[in-house]
C-alpha atoms as a PDB file:
ATOM      1  CA  MET A   1     -28.536-146.589 -16.948  1.00  0.00           C
ATOM      2  CA  GLN A   2     -26.798-143.103 -16.258  1.00  0.00           C
ATOM      3  CA  THR A   3     -23.768-144.036 -18.856  1.00  0.00           C
ATOM      4  CA  ASP A   4     -26.625-144.944 -21.157  1.00  0.00           C
ATOM      5  CA  ILE A   5     -28.255-141.552 -20.699  1.00  0.00           C
ATOM      6  CA  SER A   6     -24.491-139.779 -20.655  1.00  0.00           C
ATOM      7  CA  GLN A   7     -23.678-141.451 -24.267  1.00  0.00           C
ATOM      8  CA  LEU A   8     -27.045-140.951 -25.974  1.00  0.00           C
ATOM      9  CA  LEU A   9     -26.440-137.127 -25.134  1.00  0.00           C
ATOM     10  CA  LYS A  10     -22.723-137.061 -26.364  1.00  0.00           C
ATOM     11  CA  LEU A  11     -24.195-139.118 -29.456  1.00  0.00           C
ATOM     12  CA  LYS A  12     -27.233-135.927 -29.957  1.00  0.00           C
ATOM     13  CA  LYS A  13     -24.306-133.579 -29.829  1.00  0.00           C
ATOM     14  CA  LYS A  14     -21.813-134.714 -32.050  1.00  0.00           C
ATOM     15  CA  LYS A  15     -22.692-134.129 -35.705  1.00  0.00           C
ATOM     16  CA  LEU A  16     -22.419-135.646 -39.156  1.00  0.00           C
ATOM     17  CA  SER A  17     -20.189-133.694 -41.869  1.00  0.00           C
ATOM     18  CA  LEU A  18     -21.493-132.514 -45.430  1.00  0.00           C
ATOM     19  CA  ASP A  19     -18.477-135.501 -46.701  1.00  0.00           C
ATOM     20  CA  LYS A  20     -19.231-138.173 -44.199  1.00  0.00           C
ATOM     21  CA  GLN A  21     -23.127-137.542 -44.965  1.00  0.00           C
ATOM     22  CA  ALA A  22     -22.265-138.027 -48.914  1.00  0.00           C
ATOM     23  CA  LYS A  23     -20.605-141.350 -48.092  1.00  0.00           C
ATOM     24  CA  LEU A  24     -22.576-142.494 -45.705  1.00  0.00           C
ATOM     25  CA  ILE A  25     -25.908-142.119 -48.116  1.00  0.00           C
ATOM     26  CA  GLN A  26     -23.797-143.423 -50.923  1.00  0.00           C
ATOM     27  CA  LEU A  27     -23.040-146.520 -48.696  1.00  0.00           C
ATOM     28  CA  MET A  28     -26.640-147.188 -47.528  1.00  0.00           C
ATOM     29  CA  GLY A  29     -27.952-146.185 -51.612  1.00  0.00           C
ATOM     30  CA  ASN A  30     -25.356-149.155 -52.587  1.00  0.00           C
ATOM     31  CA  LEU A  31     -26.486-152.031 -50.080  1.00  0.00           C
ATOM     32  CA  LEU A  32     -30.372-151.284 -50.378  1.00  0.00           C
ATOM     33  CA  SER A  33     -29.932-151.484 -53.792  1.00  0.00           C
ATOM     34  CA  ASN A  34     -28.287-154.913 -53.581  1.00  0.00           C
ATOM     35  CA  GLY A  35     -30.557-156.288 -51.252  1.00  0.00           C
ATOM     36  CA  PHE A  36     -29.905-155.665 -47.667  1.00  0.00           C
ATOM     37  CA  HIS A  37     -32.791-154.340 -45.494  1.00  0.00           C
ATOM     38  CA  LEU A  38     -32.038-151.475 -42.954  1.00  0.00           C
ATOM     39  CA  GLY A  39     -30.517-153.142 -40.061  1.00  0.00           C
ATOM     40  CA  GLU A  40     -28.307-155.353 -42.284  1.00  0.00           C
ATOM     41  CA  VAL A  41     -27.120-152.165 -43.545  1.00  0.00           C
ATOM     42  CA  VAL A  42     -26.331-151.056 -40.092  1.00  0.00           C
ATOM     43  CA  ASP A  43     -24.481-154.505 -39.011  1.00  0.00           C
ATOM     44  CA  PHE A  44     -22.526-154.228 -42.201  1.00  0.00           C
ATOM     45  CA  LEU A  45     -21.179-150.112 -41.482  1.00  0.00           C
ATOM     46  CA  GLU A  46     -20.386-151.678 -37.623  1.00  0.00           C
ATOM     47  CA  ARG A  47     -18.373-154.363 -39.172  1.00  0.00           C
ATOM     48  CA  SER A  48     -16.685-152.356 -42.069  1.00  0.00           C
ATOM     49  CA  HIS A  49     -15.650-149.422 -40.230  1.00  0.00           C
ATOM     50  CA  LEU A  50     -16.298-147.478 -43.010  1.00  0.00           C
ATOM     51  CA  VAL A  51     -18.313-144.965 -40.772  1.00  0.00           C
ATOM     52  CA  GLU A  52     -17.172-143.835 -37.916  1.00  0.00           C
ATOM     53  CA  LYS A  53     -18.785-145.950 -34.697  1.00  0.00           C
ATOM     54  CA  THR A  54     -20.260-142.692 -32.897  1.00  0.00           C
ATOM     55  CA  PHE A  55     -22.763-142.721 -35.548  1.00  0.00           C
ATOM     56  CA  VAL A  56     -23.179-146.089 -36.327  1.00  0.00           C
ATOM     57  CA  GLN A  57     -24.004-146.919 -32.675  1.00  0.00           C
ATOM     58  CA  ASN A  58     -26.703-143.710 -32.992  1.00  0.00           C
ATOM     59  CA  MET A  59     -28.238-145.413 -36.405  1.00  0.00           C
ATOM     60  CA  LYS A  60     -28.531-148.458 -34.034  1.00  0.00           C
ATOM     61  CA  MET A  61     -30.234-147.048 -31.273  1.00  0.00           C
ATOM     62  CA  GLY A  62     -32.420-145.307 -33.257  1.00  0.00           C
ATOM     63  CA  LEU A  63     -33.632-148.529 -34.776  1.00  0.00           C
ATOM     64  CA  LYS A  64     -33.989-150.324 -31.680  1.00  0.00           C
ATOM     65  CA  SER A  65     -36.479-147.349 -30.801  1.00  0.00           C
ATOM     66  CA  GLY A  66     -38.523-148.050 -33.920  1.00  0.00           C
ATOM     67  CA  GLN A  67     -37.531-145.127 -35.686  1.00  0.00           C
ATOM     68  CA  ASN A  68     -37.359-145.064 -39.347  1.00  0.00           C
ATOM     69  CA  LEU A  69     -34.615-143.867 -41.571  1.00  0.00           C
ATOM     70  CA  SER A  70     -35.187-140.337 -42.021  1.00  0.00           C
ATOM     71  CA  SER A  71     -35.768-139.717 -38.172  1.00  0.00           C
ATOM     72  CA  ILE A  72     -32.399-141.262 -37.467  1.00  0.00           C
ATOM     73  CA  LEU A  73     -30.512-139.533 -39.904  1.00  0.00           C
ATOM     74  CA  GLU A  74     -32.186-136.384 -38.400  1.00  0.00           C
ATOM     75  CA  LYS A  75     -29.827-136.453 -35.384  1.00  0.00           C
ATOM     76  CA  LEU A  76     -26.990-136.624 -37.804  1.00  0.00           C
ATOM     77  CA  ASN A  77     -27.389-133.337 -38.822  1.00  0.00           C
ATOM     78  CA  PHE A  78     -28.798-134.022 -42.425  1.00  0.00           C
ATOM     79  CA  SER A  79     -30.405-131.158 -44.106  1.00  0.00           C
ATOM     80  CA  HIS A  80     -34.380-130.637 -43.888  1.00  0.00           C
ATOM     81  CA  SER A  81     -34.751-131.271 -47.939  1.00  0.00           C
ATOM     82  CA  VAL A  82     -32.677-134.513 -47.662  1.00  0.00           C
ATOM     83  CA  LEU A  83     -34.663-135.863 -44.559  1.00  0.00           C
ATOM     84  CA  THR A  84     -37.851-134.924 -46.663  1.00  0.00           C
ATOM     85  CA  GLN A  85     -36.990-137.136 -49.486  1.00  0.00           C
ATOM     86  CA  ILE A  86     -35.947-139.856 -47.599  1.00  0.00           C
ATOM     87  CA  SER A  87     -39.026-139.849 -45.634  1.00  0.00           C
ATOM     88  CA  LEU A  88     -41.760-139.671 -49.050  1.00  0.00           C
ATOM     89  CA  ALA A  89     -39.221-142.427 -50.121  1.00  0.00           C
ATOM     90  CA  GLU A  90     -40.238-145.195 -47.330  1.00  0.00           C
ATOM     91  CA  GLN A  91     -44.040-144.143 -47.605  1.00  0.00           C
ATOM     92  CA  HIS A  92     -44.049-144.212 -51.111  1.00  0.00           C
ATOM     93  CA  GLY A  93     -41.194-144.822 -53.399  1.00  0.00           C
ATOM     94  CA  ASN A  94     -37.998-146.576 -54.252  1.00  0.00           C
ATOM     95  CA  LEU A  95     -35.355-145.747 -51.215  1.00  0.00           C
ATOM     96  CA  ALA A  96     -32.374-147.158 -52.659  1.00  0.00           C
ATOM     97  CA  GLY A  97     -32.962-145.185 -55.961  1.00  0.00           C
ATOM     98  CA  THR A  98     -34.200-141.835 -53.917  1.00  0.00           C
ATOM     99  CA  LEU A  99     -30.866-141.915 -51.687  1.00  0.00           C
ATOM    100  CA  GLN A 100     -28.661-142.563 -54.997  1.00  0.00           C
ATOM    101  CA  LEU A 101     -30.111-139.031 -56.471  1.00  0.00           C
ATOM    102  CA  ILE A 102     -29.043-137.547 -52.701  1.00  0.00           C
ATOM    103  CA  GLU A 103     -25.910-138.529 -52.725  1.00  0.00           C
ATOM    104  CA  VAL A 104     -25.308-137.273 -56.131  1.00  0.00           C
ATOM    105  CA  ASN A 105     -26.701-133.885 -55.287  1.00  0.00           C
ATOM    106  CA  VAL A 106     -24.516-133.628 -52.020  1.00  0.00           C
ATOM    107  CA  ARG A 107     -21.514-134.625 -53.863  1.00  0.00           C
ATOM    108  CA  LYS A 108     -22.275-131.658 -55.711  1.00  0.00           C
ATOM    109  CA  LYS A 109     -23.182-129.503 -53.155  1.00  0.00           C
ATOM    110  CA  LEU A 110     -19.917-130.667 -51.363  1.00  0.00           C
ATOM    111  CA  GLN A 111     -17.967-129.643 -54.925  1.00  0.00           C
ATOM    112  CA  ILE A 112     -19.539-126.163 -54.728  1.00  0.00           C
ATOM    113  CA  GLN A 113     -18.404-125.795 -50.790  1.00  0.00           C
ATOM    114  CA  ARG A 114     -15.145-126.621 -51.893  1.00  0.00           C
ATOM    115  CA  LYS A 115     -14.726-124.590 -54.877  1.00  0.00           C
ATOM    116  CA  LEU A 116     -16.440-121.427 -53.122  1.00  0.00           C
ATOM    117  CA  ILE A 117     -13.725-121.988 -49.650  1.00  0.00           C
ATOM    118  CA  GLY A 118     -10.721-122.471 -52.218  1.00  0.00           C
ATOM    119  CA  ILE A 119     -11.652-119.105 -54.157  1.00  0.00           C
ATOM    120  CA  LEU A 120     -12.075-116.962 -51.242  1.00  0.00           C
ATOM    121  CA  MET A 121      -9.048-118.233 -48.848  1.00  0.00           C
ATOM    122  CA  TYR A 122      -6.434-116.065 -50.814  1.00  0.00           C
ATOM    123  CA  PRO A 123      -8.323-112.913 -51.429  1.00  0.00           C
ATOM    124  CA  ILE A 124      -9.824-112.699 -47.589  1.00  0.00           C
ATOM    125  CA  LEU A 125      -5.582-113.441 -46.366  1.00  0.00           C
ATOM    126  CA  LEU A 126      -4.924-110.641 -49.125  1.00  0.00           C
ATOM    127  CA  ILE A 127      -7.266-108.563 -47.463  1.00  0.00           C
ATOM    128  CA  THR A 128      -6.384-109.510 -43.856  1.00  0.00           C
ATOM    129  CA  LEU A 129      -2.768-108.429 -45.089  1.00  0.00           C
ATOM    130  CA  LEU A 130      -3.774-104.969 -46.556  1.00  0.00           C
ATOM    131  CA  ILE A 131      -5.338-104.206 -43.386  1.00  0.00           C
ATOM    132  CA  GLY A 132      -2.491-104.779 -41.524  1.00  0.00           C
ATOM    133  CA  ILE A 133      -0.500-103.063 -43.850  1.00  0.00           C
ATOM    134  CA  MET A 134      -2.852 -99.696 -43.816  1.00  0.00           C
ATOM    135  CA  LEU A 135      -3.019 -99.822 -39.784  1.00  0.00           C
ATOM    136  CA  GLY A 136       0.787 -99.827 -40.536  1.00  0.00           C
ATOM    137  CA  LEU A 137       0.775 -96.630 -42.916  1.00  0.00           C
ATOM    138  CA  LYS A 138      -1.391 -95.003 -40.550  1.00  0.00           C
ATOM    139  CA  ASN A 139       0.050 -95.079 -37.038  1.00  0.00           C
ATOM    140  CA  TYR A 140       4.023 -95.340 -38.665  1.00  0.00           C
ATOM    141  CA  LEU A 141       4.801 -94.125 -41.857  1.00  0.00           C
ATOM    142  CA  LEU A 142       2.249 -91.634 -42.996  1.00  0.00           C
ATOM    143  CA  PRO A 143       2.991 -89.030 -39.877  1.00  0.00           C
ATOM    144  CA  GLN A 144       6.294 -89.374 -41.043  1.00  0.00           C
ATOM    145  CA  ILE A 145       6.271 -88.691 -44.744  1.00  0.00           C
ATOM    146  CA  SER A 146       3.031 -86.480 -44.414  1.00  0.00           C
ATOM    147  CA  ASP A 147       4.884 -83.808 -42.070  1.00  0.00           C
ATOM    148  CA  GLY A 148       1.812 -83.102 -40.719  1.00  0.00           C
ATOM    149  CA  GLN A 149      -0.357 -82.485 -43.920  1.00  0.00           C
ATOM    150  CA  ASP A 150      -2.703 -84.911 -44.419  1.00  0.00           C
ATOM    151  CA  ASN A 151      -4.238 -84.780 -48.344  1.00  0.00           C
ATOM    152  CA  LEU A 152      -7.883 -86.720 -49.246  1.00  0.00           C
ATOM    153  CA  LEU A 153      -5.969 -89.462 -49.895  1.00  0.00           C
ATOM    154  CA  THR A 154      -3.888 -90.190 -46.554  1.00  0.00           C
ATOM    155  CA  GLN A 155      -7.071 -89.344 -44.779  1.00  0.00           C
ATOM    156  CA  THR A 156      -8.983 -92.116 -47.068  1.00  0.00           C
ATOM    157  CA  ILE A 157      -5.896 -94.861 -46.273  1.00  0.00           C
ATOM    158  CA  SER A 158      -5.878 -93.730 -42.401  1.00  0.00           C
ATOM    159  CA  HIS A 159      -9.731 -94.205 -42.004  1.00  0.00           C
ATOM    160  CA  LEU A 160      -9.853 -97.513 -44.398  1.00  0.00           C
ATOM    161  CA  PRO A 161      -9.551-100.019 -41.670  1.00  0.00           C
ATOM    162  CA  SER A 162     -12.243 -98.501 -39.605  1.00  0.00           C
ATOM    163  CA  ILE A 163     -14.698 -98.606 -42.582  1.00  0.00           C
ATOM    164  CA  PHE A 164     -14.134-101.922 -43.550  1.00  0.00           C
ATOM    165  CA  LEU A 165     -14.420-103.420 -39.755  1.00  0.00           C
ATOM    166  CA  LEU A 166     -17.113-101.000 -39.414  1.00  0.00           C
ATOM    167  CA  SER A 167     -19.183-102.370 -42.437  1.00  0.00           C
ATOM    168  CA  LEU A 168     -18.498-105.888 -41.197  1.00  0.00           C
ATOM    169  CA  LEU A 169     -20.140-105.167 -38.089  1.00  0.00           C
ATOM    170  CA  PHE A 170     -23.152-103.321 -40.249  1.00  0.00           C
ATOM    171  CA  ILE A 171     -23.613-106.569 -42.031  1.00  0.00           C
ATOM    172  CA  ILE A 172     -23.424-108.839 -39.324  1.00  0.00           C
ATOM    173  CA  ILE A 173     -26.028-106.787 -37.129  1.00  0.00           C
ATOM    174  CA  LEU A 174     -28.452-106.483 -40.615  1.00  0.00           C
ATOM    175  CA  SER A 175     -28.309-110.329 -40.815  1.00  0.00           C
ATOM    176  CA  GLY A 176     -29.060-110.867 -37.211  1.00  0.00           C
ATOM    177  CA  LEU A 177     -31.613-108.633 -37.461  1.00  0.00           C
ATOM    178  CA  THR A 178     -33.336-109.762 -40.713  1.00  0.00           C
ATOM    179  CA  LYS A 179     -33.435-113.381 -39.403  1.00  0.00           C
ATOM    180  CA  TYR A 180     -34.817-111.690 -35.767  1.00  0.00           C
ATOM    181  CA  PHE A 181     -37.939-110.175 -37.793  1.00  0.00           C
ATOM    182  CA  LEU A 182     -38.282-113.532 -40.417  1.00  0.00           C
ATOM    183  CA  ARG A 183     -38.049-116.119 -37.353  1.00  0.00           C
ATOM    184  CA  LYS A 184     -41.507-116.461 -36.648  1.00  0.00           C
ATOM    185  CA  LYS A 185     -42.683-116.090 -40.485  1.00  0.00           C
ATOM    186  CA  LYS A 186     -43.910-118.822 -42.690  1.00  0.00           C
ATOM    187  CA  ALA A 187     -41.662-120.432 -45.069  1.00  0.00           C
ATOM    188  CA  ILE A 188     -43.761-119.224 -48.030  1.00  0.00           C
ATOM    189  CA  PHE A 189     -43.156-115.462 -47.425  1.00  0.00           C
ATOM    190  CA  LYS A 190     -39.718-115.685 -46.875  1.00  0.00           C
ATOM    191  CA  VAL A 191     -39.505-117.151 -50.068  1.00  0.00           C
ATOM    192  CA  LEU A 192     -41.616-114.717 -51.678  1.00  0.00           C
ATOM    193  CA  LEU A 193     -39.042-112.104 -50.388  1.00  0.00           C
ATOM    194  CA  MET A 194     -35.735-113.470 -51.665  1.00  0.00           C
ATOM    195  CA  ILE A 195     -37.035-113.998 -55.294  1.00  0.00           C
ATOM    196  CA  LYS A 196     -37.462-110.377 -54.862  1.00  0.00           C
ATOM    197  CA  ILE A 197     -34.224-109.938 -54.918  1.00  0.00           C
ATOM    198  CA  PRO A 198     -32.560-109.533 -58.522  1.00  0.00           C
ATOM    199  CA  LEU A 199     -29.799-111.984 -58.016  1.00  0.00           C
ATOM    200  CA  LEU A 200     -31.907-114.976 -55.862  1.00  0.00           C
ATOM    201  CA  SER A 201     -34.524-114.746 -57.928  1.00  0.00           C
ATOM    202  CA  GLU A 202     -33.324-117.029 -60.826  1.00  0.00           C
ATOM    203  CA  VAL A 203     -31.652-119.351 -58.790  1.00  0.00           C
ATOM    204  CA  VAL A 204     -34.275-119.780 -55.646  1.00  0.00           C
ATOM    205  CA  LYS A 205     -36.621-120.921 -58.718  1.00  0.00           C
ATOM    206  CA  LEU A 206     -34.697-123.181 -60.237  1.00  0.00           C
ATOM    207  CA  TYR A 207     -33.982-124.931 -56.733  1.00  0.00           C
ATOM    208  CA  LEU A 208     -37.631-125.084 -55.752  1.00  0.00           C
ATOM    209  CA  THR A 209     -38.801-126.262 -58.934  1.00  0.00           C
ATOM    210  CA  GLY A 210     -36.044-128.770 -58.983  1.00  0.00           C
ATOM    211  CA  TYR A 211     -36.986-130.389 -55.781  1.00  0.00           C
ATOM    212  CA  PHE A 212     -40.868-130.183 -56.019  1.00  0.00           C
ATOM    213  CA  SER A 213     -40.417-131.506 -59.703  1.00  0.00           C
ATOM    214  CA  ARG A 214     -38.340-134.728 -58.657  1.00  0.00           C
ATOM    215  CA  GLU A 215     -40.646-135.638 -55.515  1.00  0.00           C
ATOM    216  CA  TRP A 216     -43.757-134.999 -57.530  1.00  0.00           C
ATOM    217  CA  GLY A 217     -42.350-136.898 -60.211  1.00  0.00           C
ATOM    218  CA  ASN A 218     -41.107-139.880 -58.341  1.00  0.00           C
ATOM    219  CA  LEU A 219     -44.583-140.378 -56.275  1.00  0.00           C
ATOM    220  CA  ILE A 220     -46.956-140.017 -59.185  1.00  0.00           C
ATOM    221  CA  ALA A 221     -44.627-142.692 -61.026  1.00  0.00           C
ATOM    222  CA  GLN A 222     -45.446-144.841 -58.314  1.00  0.00           C
ATOM    223  CA  GLY A 223     -49.146-144.521 -58.833  1.00  0.00           C
ATOM    224  CA  VAL A 224     -49.654-142.055 -55.724  1.00  0.00           C
ATOM    225  CA  ASP A 225     -52.446-139.822 -56.102  1.00  0.00           C
ATOM    226  CA  LEU A 226     -52.464-135.922 -56.146  1.00  0.00           C
ATOM    227  CA  GLN A 227     -54.667-136.301 -52.899  1.00  0.00           C
ATOM    228  CA  GLU A 228     -52.530-138.273 -50.572  1.00  0.00           C
ATOM    229  CA  ILE A 229     -49.327-136.863 -52.318  1.00  0.00           C
ATOM    230  CA  PHE A 230     -50.201-132.819 -51.365  1.00  0.00           C
ATOM    231  CA  TYR A 231     -51.398-134.661 -47.647  1.00  0.00           C
ATOM    232  CA  LEU A 232     -47.639-136.142 -47.323  1.00  0.00           C
ATOM    233  CA  MET A 233     -46.130-133.394 -48.018  1.00  0.00           C
ATOM    234  CA  SER A 234     -47.723-130.964 -45.506  1.00  0.00           C
ATOM    235  CA  GLN A 235     -46.477-133.998 -42.762  1.00  0.00           C
ATOM    236  CA  GLN A 236     -42.987-133.172 -43.703  1.00  0.00           C
ATOM    237  CA  LYS A 237     -40.289-131.765 -41.686  1.00  0.00           C
ATOM    238  CA  SER A 238     -39.350-129.022 -44.179  1.00  0.00           C
ATOM    239  CA  PRO A 239     -41.548-125.894 -43.836  1.00  0.00           C
ATOM    240  CA  ILE A 240     -41.576-125.143 -47.537  1.00  0.00           C
ATOM    241  CA  PHE A 241     -42.319-128.564 -48.542  1.00  0.00           C
ATOM    242  CA  SER A 242     -45.037-128.706 -45.717  1.00  0.00           C
ATOM    243  CA  GLU A 243     -46.621-125.368 -46.123  1.00  0.00           C
ATOM    244  CA  THR A 244     -46.954-126.032 -49.875  1.00  0.00           C
ATOM    245  CA  GLY A 245     -48.578-129.352 -49.889  1.00  0.00           C
ATOM    246  CA  ASP A 246     -51.002-127.684 -47.197  1.00  0.00           C
ATOM    247  CA  LEU A 247     -51.725-124.858 -49.616  1.00  0.00           C
ATOM    248  CA  LEU A 248     -52.170-127.710 -52.452  1.00  0.00           C
ATOM    249  CA  LEU A 249     -54.583-129.705 -50.618  1.00  0.00           C
ATOM    250  CA  LYS A 250     -56.719-126.830 -50.255  1.00  0.00           C
ATOM    251  CA  LYS A 251     -56.824-125.901 -53.478  1.00  0.00           C
ATOM    252  CA  LEU A 252     -57.449-129.556 -54.693  1.00  0.00           C
ATOM    253  CA  ASN A 253     -60.052-129.851 -52.345  1.00  0.00           C
ATOM    254  CA  SER A 254     -61.688-126.261 -53.604  1.00  0.00           C
ATOM    255  CA  GLY A 255     -61.552-128.108 -57.062  1.00  0.00           C
ATOM    256  CA  THR A 256     -58.720-126.010 -58.400  1.00  0.00           C
ATOM    257  CA  SER A 257     -56.306-127.965 -60.732  1.00  0.00           C
ATOM    258  CA  PHE A 258     -52.722-128.801 -60.537  1.00  0.00           C
ATOM    259  CA  GLY A 259     -51.556-127.100 -63.150  1.00  0.00           C
ATOM    260  CA  LYS A 260     -53.467-123.682 -62.176  1.00  0.00           C
ATOM    261  CA  SER A 261     -52.465-124.141 -58.353  1.00  0.00           C
ATOM    262  CA  VAL A 262     -49.002-124.444 -59.291  1.00  0.00           C
ATOM    263  CA  ASN A 263     -49.374-121.470 -62.205  1.00  0.00           C
ATOM    264  CA  GLN A 264     -50.685-119.167 -59.191  1.00  0.00           C
ATOM    265  CA  MET A 265     -47.432-119.865 -56.980  1.00  0.00           C
ATOM    266  CA  ARG A 266     -44.531-117.059 -57.925  1.00  0.00           C
ATOM    267  CA  PHE A 267     -41.649-118.986 -56.511  1.00  0.00           C
ATOM    268  CA  PHE A 268     -41.680-121.677 -59.187  1.00  0.00           C
ATOM    269  CA  LYS A 269     -40.648-121.734 -62.667  1.00  0.00           C
ATOM    270  CA  PRO A 270     -43.462-120.527 -65.317  1.00  0.00           C
ATOM    271  CA  GLU A 271     -42.639-123.668 -67.288  1.00  0.00           C
ATOM    272  CA  LEU A 272     -43.824-126.115 -64.660  1.00  0.00           C
ATOM    273  CA  ALA A 273     -47.402-125.104 -64.817  1.00  0.00           C
ATOM    274  CA  LEU A 274     -46.804-125.728 -68.200  1.00  0.00           C
ATOM    275  CA  MET A 275     -44.923-129.041 -68.064  1.00  0.00           C
ATOM    276  CA  ILE A 276     -47.934-130.285 -65.640  1.00  0.00           C
ATOM    277  CA  GLU A 277     -50.946-129.780 -67.976  1.00  0.00           C
ATOM    278  CA  TYR A 278     -48.412-131.043 -71.261  1.00  0.00           C
ATOM    279  CA  GLY A 279     -47.777-133.987 -68.701  1.00  0.00           C
ATOM    280  CA  GLU A 280     -51.234-134.929 -67.987  1.00  0.00           C
ATOM    281  CA  LEU A 281     -52.825-134.659 -71.377  1.00  0.00           C
ATOM    282  CA  LYS A 282     -49.985-137.275 -72.180  1.00  0.00           C
ATOM    283  CA  ASP A 283     -50.651-139.318 -69.297  1.00  0.00           C
ATOM    284  CA  LYS A 284     -46.988-139.187 -68.590  1.00  0.00           C
ATOM    285  CA  LEU A 285     -46.912-136.683 -65.927  1.00  0.00           C
ATOM    286  CA  GLY A 286     -44.622-138.377 -63.424  1.00  0.00           C
ATOM    287  CA  LEU A 287     -41.969-139.042 -66.180  1.00  0.00           C
ATOM    288  CA  GLU A 288     -42.182-135.556 -67.379  1.00  0.00           C
ATOM    289  CA  LEU A 289     -41.537-134.240 -63.909  1.00  0.00           C
ATOM    290  CA  GLU A 290     -38.498-136.249 -63.295  1.00  0.00           C
ATOM    291  CA  VAL A 291     -36.783-135.334 -66.876  1.00  0.00           C
ATOM    292  CA  TYR A 292     -37.914-131.644 -66.238  1.00  0.00           C
ATOM    293  CA  ALA A 293     -36.136-131.659 -62.290  1.00  0.00           C
ATOM    294  CA  GLU A 294     -33.053-133.099 -63.644  1.00  0.00           C
ATOM    295  CA  GLU A 295     -32.923-130.059 -66.222  1.00  0.00           C
ATOM    296  CA  CYS A 296     -33.876-127.093 -63.785  1.00  0.00           C
ATOM    297  CA  TRP A 297     -30.826-129.340 -61.132  1.00  0.00           C
ATOM    298  CA  GLU A 298     -28.340-128.975 -64.015  1.00  0.00           C
ATOM    299  CA  GLN A 299     -29.301-125.126 -64.393  1.00  0.00           C
ATOM    300  CA  PHE A 300     -28.929-124.405 -60.945  1.00  0.00           C
ATOM    301  CA  PHE A 301     -25.475-125.709 -60.373  1.00  0.00           C
ATOM    302  CA  LEU A 302     -24.280-124.237 -63.268  1.00  0.00           C
ATOM    303  CA  LYS A 303     -25.539-120.823 -62.281  1.00  0.00           C
ATOM    304  CA  ILE A 304     -23.719-121.701 -58.906  1.00  0.00           C
ATOM    305  CA  GLU A 305     -20.486-122.259 -60.456  1.00  0.00           C
ATOM    306  CA  ARG A 306     -20.745-119.079 -62.852  1.00  0.00           C
ATOM    307  CA  ALA A 307     -21.860-117.048 -60.049  1.00  0.00           C
ATOM    308  CA  ILE A 308     -18.310-118.561 -57.920  1.00  0.00           C
ATOM    309  CA  GLN A 309     -16.522-117.852 -61.078  1.00  0.00           C
ATOM    310  CA  LEU A 310     -17.497-114.122 -60.751  1.00  0.00           C
ATOM    311  CA  ILE A 311     -16.555-113.950 -57.107  1.00  0.00           C
ATOM    312  CA  GLN A 312     -12.820-114.054 -57.485  1.00  0.00           C
ATOM    313  CA  PRO A 313     -11.726-111.558 -60.361  1.00  0.00           C
ATOM    314  CA  LEU A 314     -14.248-109.063 -58.593  1.00  0.00           C
ATOM    315  CA  VAL A 315     -12.327-109.470 -55.014  1.00  0.00           C
ATOM    316  CA  PHE A 316      -8.940-109.233 -56.695  1.00  0.00           C
ATOM    317  CA  ILE A 317      -9.992-105.858 -58.506  1.00  0.00           C
ATOM    318  CA  PHE A 318     -11.110-104.888 -55.317  1.00  0.00           C
ATOM    319  CA  ILE A 319      -7.576-105.785 -53.909  1.00  0.00           C
ATOM    320  CA  ALA A 320      -5.428-104.280 -56.705  1.00  0.00           C
ATOM    321  CA  LEU A 321      -7.328-100.615 -56.537  1.00  0.00           C
ATOM    322  CA  MET A 322      -6.441-101.012 -52.303  1.00  0.00           C
ATOM    323  CA  ILE A 323      -2.908-101.396 -53.533  1.00  0.00           C
ATOM    324  CA  VAL A 324      -3.075 -98.172 -56.023  1.00  0.00           C
ATOM    325  CA  LEU A 325      -4.338 -96.946 -53.295  1.00  0.00           C
ATOM    326  CA  LEU A 326      -1.437 -97.381 -50.929  1.00  0.00           C
ATOM    327  CA  TYR A 327       1.201 -96.630 -53.060  1.00  0.00           C
ATOM    328  CA  ALA A 328      -0.338 -93.387 -54.473  1.00  0.00           C
ATOM    329  CA  GLY A 329      -0.876 -92.501 -50.087  1.00  0.00           C
ATOM    330  CA  MET A 330       3.181 -93.233 -49.937  1.00  0.00           C
ATOM    331  CA  LEU A 331       4.301 -91.469 -52.839  1.00  0.00           C
ATOM    332  CA  MET A 332       1.469 -87.997 -52.689  1.00  0.00           C
ATOM    333  CA  PRO A 333       3.378 -86.871 -49.553  1.00  0.00           C
ATOM    334  CA  ILE A 334       6.681 -87.349 -50.723  1.00  0.00           C
ATOM    335  CA  TYR A 335       6.269 -85.932 -53.532  1.00  0.00           C
ATOM    336  CA  SER A 336       4.476 -83.035 -52.126  1.00  0.00           C
ATOM    337  CA  ASN A 337       7.806 -82.451 -49.615  1.00  0.00           C
ATOM    338  CA  MET A 338      10.005 -82.786 -52.564  1.00  0.00           C
ATOM    339  CA  GLY A 339       7.682 -79.683 -54.329  1.00  0.00           C
ATOM    340  CA  GLN A 340       8.134 -77.558 -51.489  1.00  0.00           C
ATOM    341  CA  MET A 341      12.240 -78.131 -51.449  1.00  0.00           C
ATOM    342  CA  MET A 342      12.236 -77.296 -55.151  1.00  0.00           C
END
């Protein structure tokens, strides 16, 4: 009994990386679409060794205890948005199709993450090297060539490492304080705060519009009525999803239409309310929302990629300025001493 408990605790501590999440979702989606049920999927994963044994054991233990797929995947560190999509698909929808859509988005997220790491790794190394050079200049070279006469440039170079480290410390403290003060705030409040930031506003709206549109479209296409959809939303693990579902349910019970309710929510794209009203008139709301969701996701990932492409040139411009500053800091004392000799 003690061995089982210790094994369970060990499994809970181990988390599934984003790359392995995409692989696991792909395998499950393919197997379910080919007629396998969840128990057979787990057995296949165990026999094939395509997924680490630790994670398969975790899934088997979850199945034995009567948990559904979303509850099992929660222990493997899947995000709330993924868990919410799977939970809704388990109740009213095509689980295999939903897993295939999730896999596409997880792989796109992984691709963006890798691009961002690749773009930032080299500049970070250069900045670290520059800070080392600045410290060397400050402690060894500048005192010798400046002959005790500090100008504005040499003083700036001397203080740059301290300025950089203090700025980094300030950002860390500010992030920590922001997280602390917002920890008890509702998810909708946090989102409304985020859309007030110019650089984040459009990206956040695209993400939420695509996320909600796809889930609404999928459920409406399955014939689920709005009241049940909003109730299901209010029961999900994702805070923004559950809070929005609860709010929409209250508005629906008070007689406000779906389109008007969405139009009053500032964290959605304005076009979403128009799409809902247009889809209701044509009696093709589910299909309209699914198509619109795909368009939103494409725009979202396109904006992220453009932002990443913009980061690298800005970082290299900063590094170039620092290098010019270093050369100027070394040469100015030398020229000053030469002028005095002449």
